[in-house]
Amino acid sequence: MPSTFELGTTYNFNTLAPAILGSNVKNATVLGIIDYTTASNYITPETRHVDVYPYLPTGTVNDPKKYTYILFKSESNVKFVLGLPWIDLATVVQVVSLTINVTVNNASTGDANRIRDSLILLGFNSFTVTIA
């Protein structure tokens, strides 16, 4: 199974064992594509494999020593490792971070508060509203 992950790139994806690994991984940055031995520095692959394997598709190799592992950094700068077969590859989406500038002409101070509140309701939490 080829890796769809690239070093230094940030992704959102689901795992195949949500009860064990959590369901949605958001803004995880790839720090390394690693082997079993290196993964063992971060997790105990055998133990995690025993827990996760029942959730994996039929035909998945039942040997964690043969897996490729991905070393990630979370949004909160915590390193974590997942075996590639534990990730739902159909859900992997690269996160592209853009800055969007919007100018609202003929607005009032009250409009700035409404715009801020609207952005929060839409799920944006990293923004700046300034009045010029």
Protein backbone atom coordinates (compact mmCIF):
# COMPACT_ATOMS: atom_id res chain seq x y z
CA MET A 1 0.00 0.00 0.00
CA PRO A 2 1.76 3.20 -1.12
CA SER A 3 1.88 6.19 1.17
CA THR A 4 -0.24 9.16 0.17
CA PHE A 5 1.56 11.37 2.67
CA GLU A 6 4.36 13.85 1.97
CA LEU A 7 6.88 15.21 4.47
CA GLY A 8 6.04 18.64 5.85
CA THR A 9 2.49 18.56 4.50
CA THR A 10 -0.60 18.95 6.65
CA TYR A 11 -3.65 16.67 6.35
CA ASN A 12 -7.12 15.93 7.66
CA PHE A 13 -8.29 12.29 7.67
CA ASN A 14 -10.28 9.61 9.47
CA THR A 15 -8.92 6.48 11.08
CA LEU A 16 -10.29 2.98 10.56
CA ALA A 17 -10.44 2.35 14.32
CA PRO A 18 -12.21 5.42 15.75
CA ALA A 19 -12.87 3.80 19.12
CA ILE A 20 -9.12 3.30 19.60
CA LEU A 21 -7.47 6.07 17.57
CA GLY A 22 -10.17 8.72 17.46
CA SER A 23 -12.26 9.31 14.38
CA ASN A 24 -11.14 12.59 12.83
CA VAL A 25 -7.57 13.80 12.70
CA LYS A 26 -7.36 17.49 11.81
CA ASN A 27 -4.34 19.53 10.75
CA ALA A 28 -1.76 16.80 11.29
CA THR A 29 1.63 17.61 9.78
CA VAL A 30 3.84 14.78 8.54
CA LEU A 31 7.22 14.77 10.28
CA GLY A 32 8.35 11.42 8.98
CA ILE A 33 7.50 8.27 7.07
CA ILE A 34 9.07 5.66 9.30
CA ASP A 35 9.56 1.94 9.82
CA TYR A 36 8.54 -0.34 12.66
CA THR A 37 11.77 0.14 14.61
CA THR A 38 11.52 3.93 14.54
CA ALA A 39 7.79 3.82 15.36
CA SER A 40 8.72 1.78 18.44
CA ASN A 41 10.38 4.91 19.84
CA TYR A 42 6.94 6.56 20.04
CA ILE A 43 4.42 3.74 20.51
CA THR A 44 4.32 0.01 21.17
CA PRO A 45 3.25 -1.14 17.70
CA GLU A 46 2.31 -4.69 18.75
CA THR A 47 -0.02 -3.53 21.50
CA ARG A 48 -1.65 -0.87 19.33
CA HIS A 49 -1.96 -3.36 16.45
CA VAL A 50 -3.79 -5.90 18.62
CA ASP A 51 -6.33 -3.18 19.56
CA VAL A 52 -6.73 -1.78 16.04
CA TYR A 53 -6.60 -4.92 13.87
CA PRO A 54 -10.24 -5.99 14.44
CA TYR A 55 -11.35 -2.70 12.83
CA LEU A 56 -9.24 -3.11 9.69
CA PRO A 57 -10.56 -4.44 6.36
CA THR A 58 -10.44 -8.14 5.67
CA GLY A 59 -7.14 -9.08 4.08
CA THR A 60 -5.07 -6.48 5.94
CA VAL A 61 -1.64 -7.89 6.78
CA ASN A 62 -1.65 -9.06 10.39
CA ASP A 63 1.96 -8.13 11.14
CA PRO A 64 2.79 -4.66 12.48
CA LYS A 65 6.47 -5.21 11.64
CA LYS A 66 5.58 -5.02 7.94
CA TYR A 67 3.71 -1.71 8.17
CA THR A 68 4.86 1.73 7.19
CA TYR A 69 4.22 4.25 9.97
CA ILE A 70 3.63 7.98 9.77
CA LEU A 71 5.01 10.36 12.40
CA PHE A 72 2.71 13.37 12.74
CA LYS A 73 2.67 16.60 14.71
CA SER A 74 -0.76 17.68 15.92
CA GLU A 75 -2.15 21.22 16.01
CA SER A 76 -1.01 21.40 19.63
CA ASN A 77 2.55 20.32 18.65
CA VAL A 78 2.19 16.80 20.06
CA LYS A 79 3.96 14.05 18.10
CA PHE A 80 2.01 10.87 17.37
CA VAL A 81 2.43 7.81 15.17
CA LEU A 82 -0.11 5.87 13.14
CA GLY A 83 0.36 2.74 11.07
CA LEU A 84 -0.55 3.44 7.46
CA PRO A 85 -3.12 0.59 7.40
CA TRP A 86 -4.90 2.25 10.35
CA ILE A 87 -5.75 5.34 8.27
CA ASP A 88 -8.79 5.56 6.01
CA LEU A 89 -6.88 6.62 2.90
CA ALA A 90 -10.11 7.50 1.09
CA THR A 91 -10.59 10.38 3.55
CA VAL A 92 -7.10 11.92 3.35
CA VAL A 93 -7.29 15.58 2.37
CA GLN A 94 -4.33 17.91 2.16
CA VAL A 95 -4.84 21.12 4.14
CA VAL A 96 -4.04 24.18 2.13
CA SER A 97 -3.77 27.28 4.24
CA LEU A 98 -4.70 30.53 2.55
CA THR A 99 -5.16 34.03 3.82
CA ILE A 100 -8.32 35.73 2.58
CA ASN A 101 -8.51 39.51 2.76
CA VAL A 102 -11.94 41.13 2.69
CA THR A 103 -12.62 44.86 2.75
CA VAL A 104 -16.11 46.00 3.75
CA ASN A 105 -16.69 49.63 2.77
CA ASN A 106 -19.15 52.00 4.51
CA ALA A 107 -19.35 49.80 7.62
CA SER A 108 -19.75 50.75 11.27
CA THR A 109 -18.06 49.60 14.47
CA GLY A 110 -21.12 47.45 15.19
CA ASP A 111 -20.66 45.76 11.80
CA ALA A 112 -17.15 44.69 12.84
CA ASN A 113 -18.61 42.85 15.83
CA ARG A 114 -21.27 41.20 13.66
CA ILE A 115 -18.64 40.12 11.13
CA ARG A 116 -16.47 38.68 13.94
CA ASP A 117 -19.47 36.80 15.39
CA SER A 118 -20.44 35.50 11.94
CA LEU A 119 -16.95 34.15 11.29
CA ILE A 120 -17.00 32.31 14.62
CA LEU A 121 -20.41 30.81 13.80
CA LEU A 122 -19.02 29.63 10.47
CA GLY A 123 -16.24 27.77 12.29
CA PHE A 124 -13.37 30.16 11.65
CA ASN A 125 -11.30 30.81 14.75
CA SER A 126 -8.05 32.17 13.38
CA PHE A 127 -8.78 35.62 12.01
CA THR A 128 -8.28 39.31 12.62
CA VAL A 129 -10.93 41.99 12.22
CA THR A 130 -9.54 45.51 12.09
CA ILE A 131 -11.21 48.87 11.61
CA ALA A 132 -9.37 51.32 9.39
